[in-house]
Amino acid sequence: MSFSNPFAPRRPSNRASIVKAWVRECAGFGDEVTVAVTEIACRHAACGGAETLVMIDVAASDLRVLRFDKALAEISAEDVRAAVEAAKGWPAT
């Protein structure tokens, strides 16, 4: 009998690593900037049940968020590029 701990931290998916790399490339951030990707349930009809958030911790007082109204698996490099370009002031670090 095996037991799966529902509270154990999950390892990031390979897709999350790919999206993080796209964000770093498009925004011009290096490894010193923390990028976190998470998919959450969305109640709005526009997102189809899932929403993906990308949190970018540039500095102690500079947390940036990219929001995608789609599941993590559906995000493309072009989606990331458009979101970074739409965010004003990027890639200012």
PDB file of N, CA and C in Angstrom:
ATOM      1  N   MET A   1       0.837  -1.172   0.000  1.00  0.00           N
ATOM      2  CA  MET A   1       0.000   0.000   0.000  1.00  0.00           C
ATOM      3  C   MET A   1       0.888   1.242   0.000  1.00  0.00           C
ATOM      4  N   SER A   2       0.612   2.146  -0.907  1.00  0.00           N
ATOM      5  CA  SER A   2       1.401   3.375  -0.938  1.00  0.00           C
ATOM      6  C   SER A   2       0.528   4.554  -0.536  1.00  0.00           C
ATOM      7  N   PHE A   3       1.172   5.529   0.009  1.00  0.00           N
ATOM      8  CA  PHE A   3       0.467   6.719   0.477  1.00  0.00           C
ATOM      9  C   PHE A   3       1.019   7.931  -0.257  1.00  0.00           C
ATOM     10  N   SER A   4       0.142   8.721  -0.830  1.00  0.00           N
ATOM     11  CA  SER A   4       0.541   9.956  -1.500  1.00  0.00           C
ATOM     12  C   SER A   4       0.151  11.128  -0.612  1.00  0.00           C
ATOM     13  N   ASN A   5       1.133  11.887  -0.208  1.00  0.00           N
ATOM     14  CA  ASN A   5       0.902  13.031   0.659  1.00  0.00           C
ATOM     15  C   ASN A   5       0.348  14.191  -0.169  1.00  0.00           C
ATOM     16  N   PRO A   6      -0.905  14.585   0.045  1.00  0.00           N
ATOM     17  CA  PRO A   6      -1.481  15.674  -0.753  1.00  0.00           C
ATOM     18  C   PRO A   6      -0.880  17.045  -0.424  1.00  0.00           C
ATOM     19  N   PHE A   7      -0.157  17.147   0.686  1.00  0.00           N
ATOM     20  CA  PHE A   7       0.433  18.415   1.089  1.00  0.00           C
ATOM     21  C   PHE A   7       1.909  18.536   0.686  1.00  0.00           C
ATOM     22  N   ALA A   8       2.445  17.487   0.112  1.00  0.00           N
ATOM     23  CA  ALA A   8       3.847  17.516  -0.309  1.00  0.00           C
ATOM     24  C   ALA A   8       4.010  18.478  -1.481  1.00  0.00           C
ATOM     25  N   PRO A   9       5.114  19.214  -1.506  1.00  0.00           N
ATOM     26  CA  PRO A   9       5.314  20.121  -2.640  1.00  0.00           C
ATOM     27  C   PRO A   9       5.445  19.340  -3.938  1.00  0.00           C
ATOM     28  N   ARG A  10       4.862  19.895  -4.990  1.00  0.00           N
ATOM     29  CA  ARG A  10       4.941  19.234  -6.290  1.00  0.00           C
ATOM     30  C   ARG A  10       6.153  19.755  -7.051  1.00  0.00           C
ATOM     31  N   ARG A  11       6.745  18.879  -7.824  1.00  0.00           N
ATOM     32  CA  ARG A  11       7.838  19.299  -8.680  1.00  0.00           C
ATOM     33  C   ARG A  11       7.261  20.067  -9.864  1.00  0.00           C
ATOM     34  N   PRO A  12       7.954  21.122 -10.301  1.00  0.00           N
ATOM     35  CA  PRO A  12       7.444  21.849 -11.456  1.00  0.00           C
ATOM     36  C   PRO A  12       7.456  20.970 -12.693  1.00  0.00           C
ATOM     37  N   SER A  13       6.462  21.141 -13.526  1.00  0.00           N
ATOM     38  CA  SER A  13       6.398  20.359 -14.746  1.00  0.00           C
ATOM     39  C   SER A  13       7.443  20.860 -15.735  1.00  0.00           C
ATOM     40  N   ASN A  14       7.743  20.030 -16.702  1.00  0.00           N
ATOM     41  CA  ASN A  14       8.669  20.431 -17.749  1.00  0.00           C
ATOM     42  C   ASN A  14       8.124  21.645 -18.489  1.00  0.00           C
ATOM     43  N   ARG A  15       6.815  21.707 -18.675  1.00  0.00           N
ATOM     44  CA  ARG A  15       6.188  22.827 -19.368  1.00  0.00           C
ATOM     45  C   ARG A  15       6.415  24.129 -18.596  1.00  0.00           C
ATOM     46  N   ALA A  16       6.350  24.077 -17.278  1.00  0.00           N
ATOM     47  CA  ALA A  16       6.606  25.268 -16.470  1.00  0.00           C
ATOM     48  C   ALA A  16       8.043  25.753 -16.691  1.00  0.00           C
ATOM     49  N   SER A  17       8.982  24.844 -16.788  1.00  0.00           N
ATOM     50  CA  SER A  17      10.379  25.216 -17.041  1.00  0.00           C
ATOM     51  C   SER A  17      10.538  25.878 -18.399  1.00  0.00           C
ATOM     52  N   ILE A  18       9.801  25.388 -19.379  1.00  0.00           N
ATOM     53  CA  ILE A  18       9.858  25.971 -20.724  1.00  0.00           C
ATOM     54  C   ILE A  18       9.302  27.391 -20.709  1.00  0.00           C
ATOM     55  N   VAL A  19       8.159  27.582 -20.040  1.00  0.00           N
ATOM     56  CA  VAL A  19       7.556  28.914 -19.959  1.00  0.00           C
ATOM     57  C   VAL A  19       8.483  29.868 -19.211  1.00  0.00           C
ATOM     58  N   LYS A  20       9.116  29.412 -18.138  1.00  0.00           N
ATOM     59  CA  LYS A  20      10.073  30.248 -17.406  1.00  0.00           C
ATOM     60  C   LYS A  20      11.210  30.696 -18.325  1.00  0.00           C
ATOM     61  N   ALA A  21      11.720  29.781 -19.137  1.00  0.00           N
ATOM     62  CA  ALA A  21      12.806  30.117 -20.061  1.00  0.00           C
ATOM     63  C   ALA A  21      12.346  31.159 -21.082  1.00  0.00           C
ATOM     64  N   TRP A  22      11.133  31.026 -21.593  1.00  0.00           N
ATOM     65  CA  TRP A  22      10.594  32.017 -22.533  1.00  0.00           C
ATOM     66  C   TRP A  22      10.491  33.386 -21.871  1.00  0.00           C
ATOM     67  N   VAL A  23      10.020  33.427 -20.623  1.00  0.00           N
ATOM     68  CA  VAL A  23       9.891  34.699 -19.903  1.00  0.00           C
ATOM     69  C   VAL A  23      11.256  35.346 -19.737  1.00  0.00           C
ATOM     70  N   ARG A  24      12.235  34.573 -19.308  1.00  0.00           N
ATOM     71  CA  ARG A  24      13.589  35.109 -19.128  1.00  0.00           C
ATOM     72  C   ARG A  24      14.131  35.663 -20.448  1.00  0.00           C
ATOM     73  N   GLU A  25      13.942  34.921 -21.517  1.00  0.00           N
ATOM     74  CA  GLU A  25      14.440  35.333 -22.831  1.00  0.00           C
ATOM     75  C   GLU A  25      13.743  36.604 -23.320  1.00  0.00           C
ATOM     76  N   CYS A  26      12.426  36.632 -23.252  1.00  0.00           N
ATOM     77  CA  CYS A  26      11.659  37.779 -23.773  1.00  0.00           C
ATOM     78  C   CYS A  26      11.848  39.035 -22.932  1.00  0.00           C
ATOM     79  N   ALA A  27      11.962  38.879 -21.627  1.00  0.00           N
ATOM     80  CA  ALA A  27      12.077  40.032 -20.738  1.00  0.00           C
ATOM     81  C   ALA A  27      13.527  40.436 -20.477  1.00  0.00           C
ATOM     82  N   GLY A  28      14.468  39.588 -20.865  1.00  0.00           N
ATOM     83  CA  GLY A  28      15.873  39.906 -20.656  1.00  0.00           C
ATOM     84  C   GLY A  28      16.342  39.716 -19.229  1.00  0.00           C
ATOM     85  N   PHE A  29      15.676  38.839 -18.473  1.00  0.00           N
ATOM     86  CA  PHE A  29      16.063  38.580 -17.089  1.00  0.00           C
ATOM     87  C   PHE A  29      17.048  37.420 -17.027  1.00  0.00           C
ATOM     88  N   GLY A  30      18.001  37.519 -16.103  1.00  0.00           N
ATOM     89  CA  GLY A  30      18.965  36.452 -15.892  1.00  0.00           C
ATOM     90  C   GLY A  30      18.525  35.525 -14.772  1.00  0.00           C
ATOM     91  N   ASP A  31      19.429  34.651 -14.362  1.00  0.00           N
ATOM     92  CA  ASP A  31      19.125  33.674 -13.319  1.00  0.00           C
ATOM     93  C   ASP A  31      18.948  34.299 -11.940  1.00  0.00           C
ATOM     94  N   GLU A  32      19.394  35.545 -11.776  1.00  0.00           N
ATOM     95  CA  GLU A  32      19.254  36.203 -10.469  1.00  0.00           C
ATOM     96  C   GLU A  32      17.814  36.618 -10.193  1.00  0.00           C
ATOM     97  N   VAL A  33      16.962  36.599 -11.216  1.00  0.00           N
ATOM     98  CA  VAL A  33      15.550  36.947 -11.079  1.00  0.00           C
ATOM     99  C   VAL A  33      14.740  35.661 -10.947  1.00  0.00           C
ATOM    100  N   THR A  34      13.933  35.586  -9.899  1.00  0.00           N
ATOM    101  CA  THR A  34      13.119  34.402  -9.659  1.00  0.00           C
ATOM    102  C   THR A  34      11.849  34.468 -10.493  1.00  0.00           C
ATOM    103  N   VAL A  35      11.566  33.384 -11.219  1.00  0.00           N
ATOM    104  CA  VAL A  35      10.345  33.285 -12.026  1.00  0.00           C
ATOM    105  C   VAL A  35       9.585  32.054 -11.546  1.00  0.00           C
ATOM    106  N   ALA A  36       8.322  32.236 -11.178  1.00  0.00           N
ATOM    107  CA  ALA A  36       7.474  31.129 -10.723  1.00  0.00           C
ATOM    108  C   ALA A  36       6.251  31.042 -11.628  1.00  0.00           C
ATOM    109  N   VAL A  37       5.877  29.827 -11.986  1.00  0.00           N
ATOM    110  CA  VAL A  37       4.727  29.598 -12.860  1.00  0.00           C
ATOM    111  C   VAL A  37       3.743  28.697 -12.129  1.00  0.00           C
ATOM    112  N   THR A  38       2.471  29.096 -12.122  1.00  0.00           N
ATOM    113  CA  THR A  38       1.453  28.272 -11.485  1.00  0.00           C
ATOM    114  C   THR A  38       0.155  28.333 -12.279  1.00  0.00           C
ATOM    115  N   GLU A  39      -0.524  27.218 -12.321  1.00  0.00           N
ATOM    116  CA  GLU A  39      -1.829  27.140 -12.968  1.00  0.00           C
ATOM    117  C   GLU A  39      -2.884  27.023 -11.885  1.00  0.00           C
ATOM    118  N   ILE A  40      -3.922  27.853 -11.992  1.00  0.00           N
ATOM    119  CA  ILE A  40      -4.982  27.846 -10.992  1.00  0.00           C
ATOM    120  C   ILE A  40      -6.336  27.691 -11.670  1.00  0.00           C
ATOM    121  N   ALA A  41      -7.323  27.313 -10.900  1.00  0.00           N
ATOM    122  CA  ALA A  41      -8.689  27.222 -11.416  1.00  0.00           C
ATOM    123  C   ALA A  41      -9.225  28.627 -11.615  1.00  0.00           C
ATOM    124  N   CYS A  42      -9.974  28.807 -12.683  1.00  0.00           N
ATOM    125  CA  CYS A  42     -10.540  30.116 -12.996  1.00  0.00           C
ATOM    126  C   CYS A  42     -12.047  29.968 -13.165  1.00  0.00           C
ATOM    127  N   ARG A  43     -12.791  30.847 -12.524  1.00  0.00           N
ATOM    128  CA  ARG A  43     -14.251  30.779 -12.582  1.00  0.00           C
ATOM    129  C   ARG A  43     -14.839  31.594 -13.719  1.00  0.00           C
ATOM    130  N   HIS A  44     -14.036  32.391 -14.381  1.00  0.00           N
ATOM    131  CA  HIS A  44     -14.531  33.233 -15.462  1.00  0.00           C
ATOM    132  C   HIS A  44     -14.667  32.417 -16.744  1.00  0.00           C
ATOM    133  N   ALA A  45     -15.695  32.690 -17.503  1.00  0.00           N
ATOM    134  CA  ALA A  45     -15.947  31.950 -18.744  1.00  0.00           C
ATOM    135  C   ALA A  45     -14.828  32.146 -19.766  1.00  0.00           C
ATOM    136  N   ALA A  46     -14.158  33.282 -19.739  1.00  0.00           N
ATOM    137  CA  ALA A  46     -13.117  33.580 -20.723  1.00  0.00           C
ATOM    138  C   ALA A  46     -11.913  32.660 -20.627  1.00  0.00           C
ATOM    139  N   CYS A  47     -11.625  32.139 -19.446  1.00  0.00           N
ATOM    140  CA  CYS A  47     -10.424  31.310 -19.319  1.00  0.00           C
ATOM    141  C   CYS A  47     -10.677  29.825 -19.494  1.00  0.00           C
ATOM    142  N   GLY A  48     -11.869  29.409 -19.610  1.00  0.00           N
ATOM    143  CA  GLY A  48     -12.127  27.997 -19.874  1.00  0.00           C
ATOM    144  C   GLY A  48     -11.776  27.064 -18.739  1.00  0.00           C
ATOM    145  N   GLY A  49     -11.781  27.549 -17.524  1.00  0.00           N
ATOM    146  CA  GLY A  49     -11.549  26.684 -16.372  1.00  0.00           C
ATOM    147  C   GLY A  49     -10.157  26.751 -15.770  1.00  0.00           C
ATOM    148  N   ALA A  50      -9.162  27.228 -16.530  1.00  0.00           N
ATOM    149  CA  ALA A  50      -7.805  27.307 -15.992  1.00  0.00           C
ATOM    150  C   ALA A  50      -7.179  28.643 -16.370  1.00  0.00           C
ATOM    151  N   GLU A  51      -6.344  29.129 -15.471  1.00  0.00           N
ATOM    152  CA  GLU A  51      -5.623  30.383 -15.674  1.00  0.00           C
ATOM    153  C   GLU A  51      -4.189  30.137 -15.230  1.00  0.00           C
ATOM    154  N   THR A  52      -3.228  30.715 -15.926  1.00  0.00           N
ATOM    155  CA  THR A  52      -1.826  30.544 -15.568  1.00  0.00           C
ATOM    156  C   THR A  52      -1.254  31.889 -15.156  1.00  0.00           C
ATOM    157  N   LEU A  53      -0.566  31.892 -14.034  1.00  0.00           N
ATOM    158  CA  LEU A  53       0.086  33.094 -13.522  1.00  0.00           C
ATOM    159  C   LEU A  53       1.594  32.887 -13.550  1.00  0.00           C
ATOM    160  N   VAL A  54       2.306  33.919 -13.987  1.00  0.00           N
ATOM    161  CA  VAL A  54       3.764  33.905 -13.957  1.00  0.00           C
ATOM    162  C   VAL A  54       4.184  35.066 -13.059  1.00  0.00           C
ATOM    163  N   MET A  55       4.807  34.744 -11.940  1.00  0.00           N
ATOM    164  CA  MET A  55       5.280  35.755 -11.005  1.00  0.00           C
ATOM    165  C   MET A  55       6.789  35.937 -11.200  1.00  0.00           C
ATOM    166  N   ILE A  56       7.198  37.187 -11.320  1.00  0.00           N
ATOM    167  CA  ILE A  56       8.600  37.497 -11.564  1.00  0.00           C
ATOM    168  C   ILE A  56       9.072  38.406 -10.437  1.00  0.00           C
ATOM    169  N   ASP A  57       9.971  37.894  -9.617  1.00  0.00           N
ATOM    170  CA  ASP A  57      10.488  38.628  -8.458  1.00  0.00           C
ATOM    171  C   ASP A  57      11.800  39.293  -8.860  1.00  0.00           C
ATOM    172  N   VAL A  58      11.685  40.522  -9.358  1.00  0.00           N
ATOM    173  CA  VAL A  58      12.844  41.241  -9.872  1.00  0.00           C
ATOM    174  C   VAL A  58      13.714  41.769  -8.739  1.00  0.00           C
ATOM    175  N   ALA A  59      13.083  42.362  -7.734  1.00  0.00           N
ATOM    176  CA  ALA A  59      13.793  42.904  -6.584  1.00  0.00           C
ATOM    177  C   ALA A  59      12.856  42.836  -5.387  1.00  0.00           C
ATOM    178  N   ALA A  60      13.363  43.222  -4.236  1.00  0.00           N
ATOM    179  CA  ALA A  60      12.578  43.112  -3.000  1.00  0.00           C
ATOM    180  C   ALA A  60      11.231  43.819  -3.097  1.00  0.00           C
ATOM    181  N   SER A  61      11.168  44.933  -3.794  1.00  0.00           N
ATOM    182  CA  SER A  61       9.907  45.671  -3.875  1.00  0.00           C
ATOM    183  C   SER A  61       9.342  45.695  -5.299  1.00  0.00           C
ATOM    184  N   ASP A  62       9.782  44.776  -6.135  1.00  0.00           N
ATOM    185  CA  ASP A  62       9.363  44.779  -7.537  1.00  0.00           C
ATOM    186  C   ASP A  62       8.922  43.375  -7.970  1.00  0.00           C
ATOM    187  N   LEU A  63       7.670  43.038  -7.675  1.00  0.00           N
ATOM    188  CA  LEU A  63       7.084  41.765  -8.091  1.00  0.00           C
ATOM    189  C   LEU A  63       6.180  42.025  -9.286  1.00  0.00           C
ATOM    190  N   ARG A  64       6.428  41.341 -10.375  1.00  0.00           N
ATOM    191  CA  ARG A  64       5.641  41.515 -11.590  1.00  0.00           C
ATOM    192  C   ARG A  64       4.865  40.239 -11.865  1.00  0.00           C
ATOM    193  N   VAL A  65       3.674  40.391 -12.439  1.00  0.00           N
ATOM    194  CA  VAL A  65       2.816  39.237 -12.702  1.00  0.00           C
ATOM    195  C   VAL A  65       2.323  39.292 -14.139  1.00  0.00           C
ATOM    196  N   LEU A  66       2.442  38.158 -14.819  1.00  0.00           N
ATOM    197  CA  LEU A  66       1.840  37.988 -16.138  1.00  0.00           C
ATOM    198  C   LEU A  66       0.683  37.019 -15.954  1.00  0.00           C
ATOM    199  N   ARG A  67      -0.448  37.341 -16.529  1.00  0.00           N
ATOM    200  CA  ARG A  67      -1.655  36.518 -16.369  1.00  0.00           C
ATOM    201  C   ARG A  67      -2.086  36.026 -17.751  1.00  0.00           C
ATOM    202  N   PHE A  68      -2.313  34.727 -17.847  1.00  0.00           N
ATOM    203  CA  PHE A  68      -2.765  34.118 -19.092  1.00  0.00           C
ATOM    204  C   PHE A  68      -4.097  33.423 -18.837  1.00  0.00           C
ATOM    205  N   ASP A  69      -5.101  33.738 -19.634  1.00  0.00           N
ATOM    206  CA  ASP A  69      -6.429  33.134 -19.481  1.00  0.00           C
ATOM    207  C   ASP A  69      -6.509  31.804 -20.199  1.00  0.00           C
ATOM    208  N   LYS A  70      -5.548  30.942 -19.904  1.00  0.00           N
ATOM    209  CA  LYS A  70      -5.510  29.609 -20.500  1.00  0.00           C
ATOM    210  C   LYS A  70      -4.652  28.697 -19.643  1.00  0.00           C
ATOM    211  N   ALA A  71      -4.773  27.420 -19.902  1.00  0.00           N
ATOM    212  CA  ALA A  71      -3.997  26.424 -19.153  1.00  0.00           C
ATOM    213  C   ALA A  71      -2.515  26.533 -19.512  1.00  0.00           C
ATOM    214  N   LEU A  72      -1.661  26.096 -18.621  1.00  0.00           N
ATOM    215  CA  LEU A  72      -0.215  26.127 -18.818  1.00  0.00           C
ATOM    216  C   LEU A  72       0.187  25.434 -20.119  1.00  0.00           C
ATOM    217  N   ALA A  73      -0.419  24.297 -20.399  1.00  0.00           N
ATOM    218  CA  ALA A  73      -0.069  23.523 -21.593  1.00  0.00           C
ATOM    219  C   ALA A  73      -0.410  24.251 -22.888  1.00  0.00           C
ATOM    220  N   GLU A  74      -1.278  25.254 -22.825  1.00  0.00           N
ATOM    221  CA  GLU A  74      -1.717  25.971 -24.026  1.00  0.00           C
ATOM    222  C   GLU A  74      -0.922  27.246 -24.299  1.00  0.00           C
ATOM    223  N   ILE A  75      -0.043  27.639 -23.399  1.00  0.00           N
ATOM    224  CA  ILE A  75       0.720  28.881 -23.562  1.00  0.00           C
ATOM    225  C   ILE A  75       1.844  28.659 -24.569  1.00  0.00           C
ATOM    226  N   SER A  76       1.960  29.611 -25.497  1.00  0.00           N
ATOM    227  CA  SER A  76       3.003  29.532 -26.520  1.00  0.00           C
ATOM    228  C   SER A  76       4.062  30.600 -26.269  1.00  0.00           C
ATOM    229  N   ALA A  77       5.174  30.484 -26.980  1.00  0.00           N
ATOM    230  CA  ALA A  77       6.225  31.490 -26.886  1.00  0.00           C
ATOM    231  C   ALA A  77       5.696  32.843 -27.345  1.00  0.00           C
ATOM    232  N   GLU A  78       4.830  32.848 -28.331  1.00  0.00           N
ATOM    233  CA  GLU A  78       4.238  34.102 -28.817  1.00  0.00           C
ATOM    234  C   GLU A  78       3.343  34.735 -27.750  1.00  0.00           C
ATOM    235  N   ASP A  79       2.608  33.911 -26.985  1.00  0.00           N
ATOM    236  CA  ASP A  79       1.798  34.435 -25.880  1.00  0.00           C
ATOM    237  C   ASP A  79       2.674  35.163 -24.868  1.00  0.00           C
ATOM    238  N   VAL A  80       3.798  34.546 -24.527  1.00  0.00           N
ATOM    239  CA  VAL A  80       4.715  35.140 -23.546  1.00  0.00           C
ATOM    240  C   VAL A  80       5.304  36.429 -24.102  1.00  0.00           C
ATOM    241  N   ARG A  81       5.732  36.399 -25.344  1.00  0.00           N
ATOM    242  CA  ARG A  81       6.312  37.580 -25.971  1.00  0.00           C
ATOM    243  C   ARG A  81       5.316  38.747 -25.966  1.00  0.00           C
ATOM    244  N   ALA A  82       4.067  38.472 -26.332  1.00  0.00           N
ATOM    245  CA  ALA A  82       3.039  39.514 -26.349  1.00  0.00           C
ATOM    246  C   ALA A  82       2.769  40.061 -24.950  1.00  0.00           C
ATOM    247  N   ALA A  83       2.742  39.191 -23.952  1.00  0.00           N
ATOM    248  CA  ALA A  83       2.484  39.630 -22.574  1.00  0.00           C
ATOM    249  C   ALA A  83       3.618  40.500 -22.046  1.00  0.00           C
ATOM    250  N   VAL A  84       4.850  40.126 -22.355  1.00  0.00           N
ATOM    251  CA  VAL A  84       6.000  40.922 -21.901  1.00  0.00           C
ATOM    252  C   VAL A  84       6.009  42.269 -22.606  1.00  0.00           C
ATOM    253  N   GLU A  85       5.728  42.295 -23.908  1.00  0.00           N
ATOM    254  CA  GLU A  85       5.695  43.555 -24.647  1.00  0.00           C
ATOM    255  C   GLU A  85       4.571  44.467 -24.153  1.00  0.00           C
ATOM    256  N   ALA A  86       3.454  43.874 -23.744  1.00  0.00           N
ATOM    257  CA  ALA A  86       2.322  44.660 -23.253  1.00  0.00           C
ATOM    258  C   ALA A  86       2.579  45.258 -21.872  1.00  0.00           C
ATOM    259  N   ALA A  87       3.477  44.633 -21.111  1.00  0.00           N
ATOM    260  CA  ALA A  87       3.803  45.131 -19.769  1.00  0.00           C
ATOM    261  C   ALA A  87       4.716  46.353 -19.907  1.00  0.00           C
ATOM    262  N   LYS A  88       4.265  47.480 -19.438  1.00  0.00           N
ATOM    263  CA  LYS A  88       5.029  48.721 -19.610  1.00  0.00           C
ATOM    264  C   LYS A  88       6.307  48.708 -18.793  1.00  0.00           C
ATOM    265  N   GLY A  89       7.344  49.281 -19.380  1.00  0.00           N
ATOM    266  CA  GLY A  89       8.603  49.424 -18.658  1.00  0.00           C
ATOM    267  C   GLY A  89       9.513  48.215 -18.726  1.00  0.00           C
ATOM    268  N   TRP A  90       9.117  47.183 -19.447  1.00  0.00           N
ATOM    269  CA  TRP A  90       9.982  46.000 -19.537  1.00  0.00           C
ATOM    270  C   TRP A  90      10.823  46.123 -20.765  1.00  0.00           C
ATOM    271  N   PRO A  91      12.001  45.620 -20.789  1.00  0.00           N
ATOM    272  CA  PRO A  91      12.696  44.872 -19.753  1.00  0.00           C
ATOM    273  C   PRO A  91      13.578  45.721 -18.868  1.00  0.00           C
ATOM    274  N   ALA A  92      13.029  46.591 -18.098  1.00  0.00           N
ATOM    275  CA  ALA A  92      13.806  47.378 -17.146  1.00  0.00           C
ATOM    276  C   ALA A  92      13.981  46.582 -15.862  1.00  0.00           C
ATOM    277  N   THR A  93      15.208  46.372 -15.449  1.00  0.00           N
ATOM    278  CA  THR A  93      15.474  45.603 -14.223  1.00  0.00           C
ATOM    279  C   THR A  93      16.058  46.482 -13.156  1.00  0.00           C
TER     280      THR A  93
END
